[in-house]
């Protein structure tokens, strides 16, 4: 699977731009993806914070991850504008019948495919060798564009998983 996505991101956005990653439990169909990309474009073009335009961008990566980016060099993103983006994501959930706000499902690249795993099943997956330190993990907790570009897709052993589950051997030296 080609994991090159960085070249798709608007290079004029500040590396300090705020980022929100929303993961779908399913891949969007081609028709859905085309419609969704247009909706992301329309939303980010109209996104405001206290009346000032937010320099933003929205992307659908790998047919499954919606990414919103707000460059705060011109206008800060306020609570109201963040709420507006969450309402937008909730409307996408309803329109497409997907969950995007669930943070209890983790995404890994296994055998060249994105595989989802409920957080509750992570210890089992590690103990039985399905997930290891080298397994690529989609770290949807990234919060800046710089992090999205360097720490979104990384080996599990270099993510927060290594610190959370050291007893299960998920670290760089394992």
N, C-alpha and C. Protein backbone atom coordinates (compact mmCIF):
# COMPACT_ATOMS: atom_id res chain seq x y z
N UNK A 1 0.84 -1.17 0.00
CA UNK A 1 0.00 0.00 0.00
C UNK A 1 0.89 1.24 0.00
N UNK A 2 0.60 2.17 -0.88
CA UNK A 2 1.34 3.42 -0.95
C UNK A 2 0.90 4.33 0.19
N UNK A 3 1.80 4.66 1.08
CA UNK A 3 1.49 5.50 2.24
C UNK A 3 1.92 6.95 2.05
N UNK A 4 2.25 7.33 0.84
CA UNK A 4 2.70 8.69 0.56
C UNK A 4 1.48 9.61 0.47
N UNK A 5 1.31 10.46 1.44
CA UNK A 5 0.18 11.40 1.47
C UNK A 5 0.65 12.84 1.64
N UNK A 6 1.89 13.04 2.11
CA UNK A 6 2.37 14.37 2.46
C UNK A 6 2.33 15.33 1.27
N UNK A 7 2.58 14.81 0.07
CA UNK A 7 2.61 15.68 -1.10
C UNK A 7 1.23 16.23 -1.46
N UNK A 8 0.17 15.66 -0.88
CA UNK A 8 -1.19 16.12 -1.15
C UNK A 8 -1.58 17.33 -0.30
N UNK A 9 -0.81 17.59 0.75
CA UNK A 9 -1.14 18.66 1.69
C UNK A 9 -0.65 20.00 1.15
N UNK A 10 -1.50 20.99 1.25
CA UNK A 10 -1.18 22.35 0.80
C UNK A 10 0.12 22.80 1.46
N UNK A 11 1.17 23.06 0.68
CA UNK A 11 2.46 23.44 1.26
C UNK A 11 2.47 24.83 1.88
N UNK A 12 1.43 25.63 1.62
CA UNK A 12 1.40 26.98 2.21
C UNK A 12 0.91 26.97 3.66
N UNK A 13 0.43 25.82 4.14
CA UNK A 13 -0.04 25.73 5.53
C UNK A 13 1.15 25.68 6.49
N UNK A 14 1.02 26.37 7.58
CA UNK A 14 2.08 26.40 8.59
C UNK A 14 2.24 25.01 9.23
N UNK A 15 3.48 24.62 9.53
CA UNK A 15 3.70 23.35 10.23
C UNK A 15 3.02 23.33 11.61
N UNK A 16 2.74 24.52 12.16
CA UNK A 16 2.07 24.62 13.46
C UNK A 16 0.56 24.59 13.35
N UNK A 17 0.03 24.42 12.15
CA UNK A 17 -1.42 24.35 11.96
C UNK A 17 -2.01 23.26 12.83
N UNK A 18 -3.20 23.52 13.34
CA UNK A 18 -3.90 22.52 14.15
C UNK A 18 -4.50 21.45 13.24
N UNK A 19 -4.50 20.22 13.73
CA UNK A 19 -4.97 19.08 12.94
C UNK A 19 -5.91 18.23 13.76
N UNK A 20 -6.97 17.76 13.09
CA UNK A 20 -7.89 16.79 13.68
C UNK A 20 -8.03 15.64 12.70
N UNK A 21 -7.83 14.43 13.18
CA UNK A 21 -7.95 13.25 12.34
C UNK A 21 -9.17 12.45 12.80
N UNK A 22 -10.04 12.15 11.87
CA UNK A 22 -11.25 11.37 12.15
C UNK A 22 -11.19 10.10 11.31
N UNK A 23 -11.32 8.98 11.97
CA UNK A 23 -11.17 7.68 11.34
C UNK A 23 -12.53 7.01 11.16
N UNK A 24 -12.79 6.55 9.96
CA UNK A 24 -14.02 5.81 9.68
C UNK A 24 -13.77 4.33 9.89
N UNK A 25 -14.80 3.63 10.32
CA UNK A 25 -14.65 2.18 10.50
C UNK A 25 -14.73 1.43 9.18
N UNK A 26 -15.04 2.17 8.12
CA UNK A 26 -15.06 1.54 6.80
C UNK A 26 -14.47 2.50 5.78
N UNK A 27 -14.06 1.94 4.66
CA UNK A 27 -13.55 2.73 3.55
C UNK A 27 -14.76 3.31 2.81
N UNK A 28 -14.66 4.57 2.45
CA UNK A 28 -15.71 5.20 1.66
C UNK A 28 -15.64 4.68 0.22
N UNK A 29 -16.79 4.51 -0.40
CA UNK A 29 -16.81 4.10 -1.81
C UNK A 29 -16.24 5.24 -2.65
N UNK A 30 -15.93 4.96 -3.89
CA UNK A 30 -15.37 5.98 -4.77
C UNK A 30 -16.33 7.16 -4.91
N UNK A 31 -17.60 6.90 -5.12
CA UNK A 31 -18.59 7.96 -5.24
C UNK A 31 -18.68 8.77 -3.95
N UNK A 32 -18.72 8.08 -2.81
CA UNK A 32 -18.75 8.76 -1.52
C UNK A 32 -17.51 9.63 -1.34
N UNK A 33 -16.36 9.08 -1.70
CA UNK A 33 -15.09 9.81 -1.53
C UNK A 33 -15.09 11.09 -2.36
N UNK A 34 -15.57 11.02 -3.58
CA UNK A 34 -15.62 12.20 -4.44
C UNK A 34 -16.56 13.25 -3.85
N UNK A 35 -17.72 12.82 -3.36
CA UNK A 35 -18.67 13.74 -2.74
C UNK A 35 -18.08 14.33 -1.46
N UNK A 36 -17.47 13.49 -0.68
CA UNK A 36 -16.90 13.92 0.60
C UNK A 36 -15.77 14.93 0.40
N UNK A 37 -14.93 14.70 -0.57
CA UNK A 37 -13.86 15.65 -0.84
C UNK A 37 -14.42 17.02 -1.21
N UNK A 38 -15.52 17.03 -1.96
CA UNK A 38 -16.16 18.30 -2.31
C UNK A 38 -16.74 18.96 -1.06
N UNK A 39 -17.38 18.18 -0.19
CA UNK A 39 -17.94 18.72 1.06
C UNK A 39 -16.84 19.28 1.96
N UNK A 40 -15.69 18.62 2.02
CA UNK A 40 -14.56 19.11 2.79
C UNK A 40 -14.07 20.45 2.23
N UNK A 41 -14.01 20.53 0.92
CA UNK A 41 -13.57 21.76 0.26
C UNK A 41 -14.54 22.91 0.56
N UNK A 42 -15.83 22.64 0.48
CA UNK A 42 -16.84 23.67 0.75
C UNK A 42 -16.78 24.09 2.22
N UNK A 43 -16.69 23.13 3.13
CA UNK A 43 -16.64 23.46 4.55
C UNK A 43 -15.43 24.33 4.87
N UNK A 44 -14.26 23.91 4.44
CA UNK A 44 -13.06 24.66 4.80
C UNK A 44 -13.02 26.03 4.13
N UNK A 45 -13.66 26.19 2.98
CA UNK A 45 -13.71 27.49 2.31
C UNK A 45 -14.60 28.46 3.09
N UNK A 46 -15.59 27.94 3.82
CA UNK A 46 -16.53 28.79 4.56
C UNK A 46 -16.23 28.84 6.07
N UNK A 47 -15.21 28.13 6.52
CA UNK A 47 -14.88 28.01 7.94
C UNK A 47 -14.44 29.37 8.47
N UNK A 48 -15.06 29.82 9.56
CA UNK A 48 -14.70 31.10 10.15
C UNK A 48 -14.50 30.95 11.66
N UNK A 49 -13.82 31.94 12.21
CA UNK A 49 -13.62 32.05 13.65
C UNK A 49 -13.85 33.51 14.02
N UNK A 50 -14.90 33.76 14.74
CA UNK A 50 -15.29 35.13 15.12
C UNK A 50 -15.35 36.04 13.90
N UNK A 51 -15.92 35.51 12.82
CA UNK A 51 -16.11 36.29 11.60
C UNK A 51 -14.92 36.32 10.66
N UNK A 52 -13.77 35.90 11.13
CA UNK A 52 -12.57 35.89 10.28
C UNK A 52 -12.43 34.52 9.62
N UNK A 53 -12.06 34.54 8.37
CA UNK A 53 -11.88 33.28 7.64
C UNK A 53 -10.74 32.47 8.25
N UNK A 54 -10.98 31.19 8.42
CA UNK A 54 -9.94 30.27 8.87
C UNK A 54 -9.25 29.73 7.63
N UNK A 55 -7.94 29.85 7.59
CA UNK A 55 -7.19 29.24 6.49
C UNK A 55 -7.14 27.75 6.81
N UNK A 56 -7.97 26.99 6.11
CA UNK A 56 -8.07 25.58 6.44
C UNK A 56 -8.03 24.71 5.21
N UNK A 57 -7.95 23.43 5.48
CA UNK A 57 -7.96 22.43 4.42
C UNK A 57 -8.56 21.15 4.99
N UNK A 58 -9.17 20.39 4.12
CA UNK A 58 -9.73 19.11 4.52
C UNK A 58 -9.33 18.05 3.51
N UNK A 59 -9.00 16.88 4.02
CA UNK A 59 -8.53 15.80 3.15
C UNK A 59 -9.18 14.48 3.55
N UNK A 60 -9.31 13.60 2.59
CA UNK A 60 -9.69 12.21 2.84
C UNK A 60 -8.50 11.37 2.42
N UNK A 61 -7.83 10.78 3.40
CA UNK A 61 -6.66 9.96 3.12
C UNK A 61 -7.00 8.48 3.22
N UNK A 62 -6.49 7.72 2.28
CA UNK A 62 -6.65 6.26 2.25
C UNK A 62 -8.12 5.85 2.27
N UNK A 63 -9.00 6.74 1.83
CA UNK A 63 -10.43 6.45 1.75
C UNK A 63 -11.10 6.24 3.08
N UNK A 64 -10.39 6.54 4.18
CA UNK A 64 -10.89 6.18 5.50
C UNK A 64 -10.62 7.21 6.59
N UNK A 65 -9.74 8.16 6.35
CA UNK A 65 -9.35 9.13 7.38
C UNK A 65 -9.67 10.54 6.88
N UNK A 66 -10.55 11.23 7.60
CA UNK A 66 -10.83 12.63 7.32
C UNK A 66 -9.89 13.46 8.16
N UNK A 67 -9.23 14.40 7.53
CA UNK A 67 -8.27 15.25 8.22
C UNK A 67 -8.66 16.71 7.99
N UNK A 68 -8.88 17.43 9.08
CA UNK A 68 -9.12 18.86 9.01
C UNK A 68 -7.89 19.58 9.54
N UNK A 69 -7.50 20.64 8.83
CA UNK A 69 -6.32 21.41 9.19
C UNK A 69 -6.71 22.87 9.26
N UNK A 70 -6.32 23.53 10.33
CA UNK A 70 -6.56 24.97 10.50
C UNK A 70 -5.24 25.67 10.75
N UNK A 71 -4.87 26.52 9.81
CA UNK A 71 -3.65 27.31 9.93
C UNK A 71 -4.00 28.57 10.73
N UNK A 72 -3.47 28.68 11.92
CA UNK A 72 -3.83 29.78 12.81
C UNK A 72 -2.90 30.99 12.69
N UNK A 73 -2.09 31.04 11.64
CA UNK A 73 -1.22 32.20 11.47
C UNK A 73 -2.00 33.46 11.16
N UNK A 74 -3.17 33.33 10.54
CA UNK A 74 -4.00 34.50 10.21
C UNK A 74 -5.12 34.71 11.22
N UNK A 75 -5.79 33.63 11.60
CA UNK A 75 -6.91 33.72 12.55
C UNK A 75 -6.89 32.49 13.45
N UNK A 76 -7.00 32.71 14.75
CA UNK A 76 -7.04 31.60 15.71
C UNK A 76 -8.36 30.86 15.61
N UNK A 77 -8.31 29.58 15.86
CA UNK A 77 -9.52 28.77 15.86
C UNK A 77 -10.08 28.81 17.27
N UNK A 78 -11.28 29.34 17.38
CA UNK A 78 -11.93 29.47 18.69
C UNK A 78 -12.74 28.23 19.02
N UNK A 79 -13.29 28.22 20.22
CA UNK A 79 -14.16 27.12 20.61
C UNK A 79 -15.36 26.98 19.68
N UNK A 80 -15.91 28.11 19.27
CA UNK A 80 -17.08 28.09 18.37
C UNK A 80 -16.72 27.50 17.01
N UNK A 81 -15.55 27.87 16.48
CA UNK A 81 -15.17 27.34 15.17
C UNK A 81 -14.80 25.86 15.27
N UNK A 82 -14.26 25.44 16.41
CA UNK A 82 -14.00 24.02 16.63
C UNK A 82 -15.34 23.27 16.72
N UNK A 83 -16.30 23.86 17.44
CA UNK A 83 -17.64 23.25 17.52
C UNK A 83 -18.26 23.12 16.13
N UNK A 84 -18.08 24.13 15.30
CA UNK A 84 -18.60 24.09 13.93
C UNK A 84 -18.00 22.91 13.18
N UNK A 85 -16.72 22.68 13.36
CA UNK A 85 -16.08 21.56 12.66
C UNK A 85 -16.60 20.22 13.17
N UNK A 86 -16.86 20.13 14.47
CA UNK A 86 -17.41 18.88 15.04
C UNK A 86 -18.82 18.66 14.51
N UNK A 87 -19.61 19.73 14.40
CA UNK A 87 -20.96 19.59 13.83
C UNK A 87 -20.88 19.14 12.37
N UNK A 88 -19.91 19.64 11.66
CA UNK A 88 -19.70 19.21 10.28
C UNK A 88 -19.38 17.70 10.24
N UNK A 89 -18.49 17.26 11.12
CA UNK A 89 -18.14 15.83 11.16
C UNK A 89 -19.36 15.00 11.53
N UNK A 90 -20.16 15.48 12.48
CA UNK A 90 -21.39 14.76 12.85
C UNK A 90 -22.36 14.68 11.67
N UNK A 91 -22.42 15.72 10.86
CA UNK A 91 -23.30 15.68 9.67
C UNK A 91 -22.79 14.66 8.66
N UNK A 92 -21.47 14.53 8.56
CA UNK A 92 -20.88 13.51 7.67
C UNK A 92 -21.24 12.12 8.18
N UNK A 93 -21.16 11.93 9.50
CA UNK A 93 -21.53 10.64 10.10
C UNK A 93 -22.95 10.25 9.70
N UNK A 94 -23.86 11.19 9.83
CA UNK A 94 -25.27 10.91 9.50
C UNK A 94 -25.46 10.66 8.01
N UNK A 95 -24.85 11.52 7.20
CA UNK A 95 -25.02 11.43 5.75
C UNK A 95 -24.51 10.11 5.18
N UNK A 96 -23.38 9.64 5.71
CA UNK A 96 -22.75 8.45 5.14
C UNK A 96 -22.91 7.20 6.01
N UNK A 97 -23.57 7.34 7.14
CA UNK A 97 -23.78 6.18 8.01
C UNK A 97 -22.49 5.59 8.55
N UNK A 98 -21.59 6.47 9.00
CA UNK A 98 -20.29 6.03 9.54
C UNK A 98 -20.08 6.64 10.91
N UNK A 99 -19.14 6.07 11.65
CA UNK A 99 -18.69 6.66 12.91
C UNK A 99 -17.32 7.28 12.67
N UNK A 100 -17.19 8.54 13.07
CA UNK A 100 -15.92 9.25 12.91
C UNK A 100 -15.37 9.76 14.22
N UNK A 101 -16.19 9.79 15.25
CA UNK A 101 -15.78 10.35 16.53
C UNK A 101 -15.39 9.29 17.56
N UNK A 102 -15.39 8.03 17.17
CA UNK A 102 -15.02 6.94 18.06
C UNK A 102 -13.50 6.87 18.17
N UNK A 103 -13.00 7.06 19.38
CA UNK A 103 -11.54 7.02 19.60
C UNK A 103 -11.09 5.71 20.22
N UNK A 104 -11.98 4.71 20.26
CA UNK A 104 -11.64 3.45 20.90
C UNK A 104 -11.25 2.36 19.90
N UNK A 105 -11.14 2.73 18.63
CA UNK A 105 -10.72 1.77 17.61
C UNK A 105 -9.40 2.27 17.03
N UNK A 106 -8.43 1.40 17.01
CA UNK A 106 -7.09 1.74 16.52
C UNK A 106 -6.91 1.20 15.11
N UNK A 107 -6.11 1.88 14.32
CA UNK A 107 -5.83 1.45 12.95
C UNK A 107 -4.36 1.09 12.80
N UNK A 108 -4.13 -0.05 12.17
CA UNK A 108 -2.78 -0.55 11.92
C UNK A 108 -2.67 -0.94 10.45
N UNK A 109 -1.46 -0.95 9.93
CA UNK A 109 -1.22 -1.48 8.60
C UNK A 109 -0.69 -2.90 8.76
N UNK A 110 -1.51 -3.86 8.38
CA UNK A 110 -1.15 -5.27 8.52
C UNK A 110 -1.34 -5.94 7.17
N UNK A 111 -0.30 -6.59 6.70
CA UNK A 111 -0.31 -7.25 5.39
C UNK A 111 -0.79 -6.30 4.30
N UNK A 112 -0.25 -5.09 4.32
CA UNK A 112 -0.50 -4.07 3.31
C UNK A 112 -1.95 -3.59 3.26
N UNK A 113 -2.69 -3.76 4.35
CA UNK A 113 -4.07 -3.28 4.43
C UNK A 113 -4.30 -2.60 5.77
N UNK A 114 -5.15 -1.59 5.77
CA UNK A 114 -5.51 -0.94 7.03
C UNK A 114 -6.48 -1.86 7.76
N UNK A 115 -6.10 -2.23 8.98
CA UNK A 115 -6.92 -3.11 9.81
C UNK A 115 -7.28 -2.35 11.08
N UNK A 116 -8.53 -2.46 11.48
CA UNK A 116 -8.99 -1.79 12.69
C UNK A 116 -9.06 -2.78 13.83
N UNK A 117 -8.74 -2.28 15.01
CA UNK A 117 -8.71 -3.12 16.20
C UNK A 117 -9.29 -2.35 17.38
N UNK A 118 -10.33 -2.90 18.02
CA UNK A 118 -10.83 -2.23 19.23
C UNK A 118 -9.72 -2.18 20.29
N UNK A 119 -9.64 -1.06 20.98
CA UNK A 119 -8.62 -0.89 22.01
C UNK A 119 -8.65 -2.03 23.03
N UNK A 120 -9.83 -2.54 23.34
CA UNK A 120 -9.95 -3.62 24.32
C UNK A 120 -9.28 -4.91 23.85
N UNK A 121 -9.08 -5.07 22.54
CA UNK A 121 -8.47 -6.29 22.00
C UNK A 121 -6.97 -6.14 21.77
N UNK A 122 -6.43 -4.97 22.07
CA UNK A 122 -5.01 -4.73 21.83
C UNK A 122 -4.10 -5.69 22.60
N UNK A 123 -4.32 -5.91 23.91
CA UNK A 123 -3.43 -6.85 24.61
C UNK A 123 -3.42 -8.24 23.97
N UNK A 124 -4.58 -8.72 23.55
CA UNK A 124 -4.66 -10.04 22.91
C UNK A 124 -3.85 -10.04 21.60
N UNK A 125 -4.02 -8.98 20.80
CA UNK A 125 -3.33 -8.90 19.52
C UNK A 125 -1.82 -8.88 19.70
N UNK A 126 -1.35 -8.19 20.73
CA UNK A 126 0.09 -8.13 21.00
C UNK A 126 0.59 -9.48 21.49
N UNK A 127 -0.10 -10.05 22.47
CA UNK A 127 0.31 -11.33 23.04
C UNK A 127 0.39 -12.44 22.00
N UNK A 128 -0.47 -12.38 20.99
CA UNK A 128 -0.50 -13.43 19.97
C UNK A 128 0.24 -13.06 18.69
N UNK A 129 1.01 -11.97 18.75
CA UNK A 129 1.90 -11.62 17.65
C UNK A 129 1.24 -10.96 16.45
N UNK A 130 0.00 -10.53 16.56
CA UNK A 130 -0.65 -9.84 15.45
C UNK A 130 -0.14 -8.41 15.32
N UNK A 131 0.21 -7.83 16.47
CA UNK A 131 0.75 -6.47 16.52
C UNK A 131 2.09 -6.53 17.23
N UNK A 132 3.09 -5.90 16.64
CA UNK A 132 4.42 -5.86 17.26
C UNK A 132 5.00 -4.46 17.16
N UNK A 133 6.21 -4.27 17.67
CA UNK A 133 6.84 -2.95 17.66
C UNK A 133 7.00 -2.36 16.26
N UNK A 134 7.13 -3.19 15.25
CA UNK A 134 7.34 -2.69 13.88
C UNK A 134 6.03 -2.50 13.12
N UNK A 135 4.92 -2.96 13.67
CA UNK A 135 3.63 -2.82 12.99
C UNK A 135 3.28 -1.33 12.88
N UNK A 136 2.99 -0.89 11.66
CA UNK A 136 2.67 0.52 11.47
C UNK A 136 1.31 0.85 12.09
N UNK A 137 1.28 1.96 12.80
CA UNK A 137 0.10 2.40 13.54
C UNK A 137 -0.28 3.80 13.06
N UNK A 138 -1.58 4.05 12.91
CA UNK A 138 -2.08 5.37 12.54
C UNK A 138 -2.39 6.13 13.83
N UNK A 139 -1.50 7.04 14.19
CA UNK A 139 -1.59 7.79 15.43
C UNK A 139 -2.51 8.99 15.23
N UNK A 140 -3.81 8.78 15.39
CA UNK A 140 -4.79 9.82 15.15
C UNK A 140 -4.79 10.90 16.23
N UNK A 141 -3.88 10.80 17.18
CA UNK A 141 -3.76 11.80 18.24
C UNK A 141 -2.86 12.97 17.86
N UNK A 142 -2.30 12.95 16.65
CA UNK A 142 -1.46 14.07 16.22
C UNK A 142 -2.28 15.35 16.28
N UNK A 143 -1.63 16.46 16.62
CA UNK A 143 -2.40 17.69 16.80
C UNK A 143 -1.90 18.86 15.95
N UNK A 144 -0.77 18.69 15.28
CA UNK A 144 -0.25 19.75 14.40
C UNK A 144 0.07 19.15 13.04
N UNK A 145 0.21 20.03 12.07
CA UNK A 145 0.56 19.57 10.73
C UNK A 145 1.94 18.90 10.73
N UNK A 146 2.88 19.47 11.47
CA UNK A 146 4.22 18.87 11.55
C UNK A 146 4.13 17.43 12.09
N UNK A 147 3.29 17.22 13.11
CA UNK A 147 3.11 15.87 13.66
C UNK A 147 2.41 14.96 12.65
N UNK A 148 1.43 15.50 11.93
CA UNK A 148 0.74 14.70 10.92
C UNK A 148 1.73 14.19 9.88
N UNK A 149 2.65 15.05 9.51
CA UNK A 149 3.61 14.68 8.47
C UNK A 149 4.73 13.77 8.96
N UNK A 150 4.99 13.77 10.26
CA UNK A 150 6.12 12.97 10.75
C UNK A 150 5.74 11.86 11.73
N UNK A 151 4.58 11.96 12.37
CA UNK A 151 4.24 11.01 13.43
C UNK A 151 2.86 10.39 13.30
N UNK A 152 2.20 10.58 12.18
CA UNK A 152 0.87 10.00 12.04
C UNK A 152 0.97 8.50 11.78
N UNK A 153 1.79 8.11 10.83
CA UNK A 153 1.98 6.69 10.53
C UNK A 153 3.38 6.33 11.00
N UNK A 154 3.45 5.51 12.04
CA UNK A 154 4.75 5.18 12.61
C UNK A 154 4.70 3.78 13.23
N UNK A 155 5.85 3.18 13.43
CA UNK A 155 5.88 1.88 14.09
C UNK A 155 5.25 1.95 15.48
N UNK A 156 4.48 0.96 15.83
CA UNK A 156 3.81 0.93 17.14
C UNK A 156 4.79 1.15 18.28
N UNK A 157 5.98 0.61 18.15
CA UNK A 157 6.99 0.73 19.19
C UNK A 157 7.50 2.15 19.39
N UNK A 158 7.16 3.06 18.46
CA UNK A 158 7.55 4.46 18.60
C UNK A 158 6.35 5.34 18.91
N UNK A 159 5.22 4.74 19.22
CA UNK A 159 4.00 5.49 19.51
C UNK A 159 3.69 5.45 21.01
N UNK A 160 2.58 6.05 21.38
CA UNK A 160 2.12 6.02 22.77
C UNK A 160 1.86 4.59 23.24
N UNK A 161 1.67 3.66 22.32
CA UNK A 161 1.42 2.27 22.68
C UNK A 161 2.61 1.66 23.43
N UNK A 162 3.82 2.08 23.08
CA UNK A 162 5.03 1.55 23.72
C UNK A 162 5.04 1.88 25.21
N UNK A 163 4.61 3.08 25.56
CA UNK A 163 4.60 3.50 26.96
C UNK A 163 3.43 2.90 27.72
N UNK A 164 2.34 2.72 27.04
CA UNK A 164 1.13 2.22 27.71
C UNK A 164 1.19 0.73 28.02
N UNK A 165 1.87 -0.03 27.18
CA UNK A 165 1.88 -1.48 27.34
C UNK A 165 3.28 -2.06 27.41
N UNK A 166 4.16 -1.54 28.25
CA UNK A 166 5.53 -2.06 28.28
C UNK A 166 5.60 -3.51 28.77
N UNK A 167 4.64 -3.92 29.59
CA UNK A 167 4.66 -5.29 30.12
C UNK A 167 4.43 -6.33 29.02
N UNK A 168 3.85 -5.88 27.91
CA UNK A 168 3.58 -6.79 26.81
C UNK A 168 4.70 -6.78 25.77
N UNK A 169 5.76 -6.06 26.07
CA UNK A 169 6.93 -6.09 25.19
C UNK A 169 6.83 -5.18 23.99
N UNK A 170 5.96 -4.19 24.01
CA UNK A 170 5.81 -3.29 22.87
C UNK A 170 6.74 -2.11 23.05
N UNK A 171 7.99 -2.30 22.66
CA UNK A 171 8.95 -1.20 22.70
C UNK A 171 10.00 -1.41 21.62
N UNK A 172 10.84 -0.44 21.44
CA UNK A 172 11.84 -0.49 20.37
C UNK A 172 12.78 -1.69 20.46
N UNK A 173 13.10 -2.11 21.67
CA UNK A 173 14.09 -3.17 21.82
C UNK A 173 13.49 -4.56 21.72
N UNK A 174 12.19 -4.67 21.70
CA UNK A 174 11.55 -5.99 21.64
C UNK A 174 11.68 -6.61 20.28
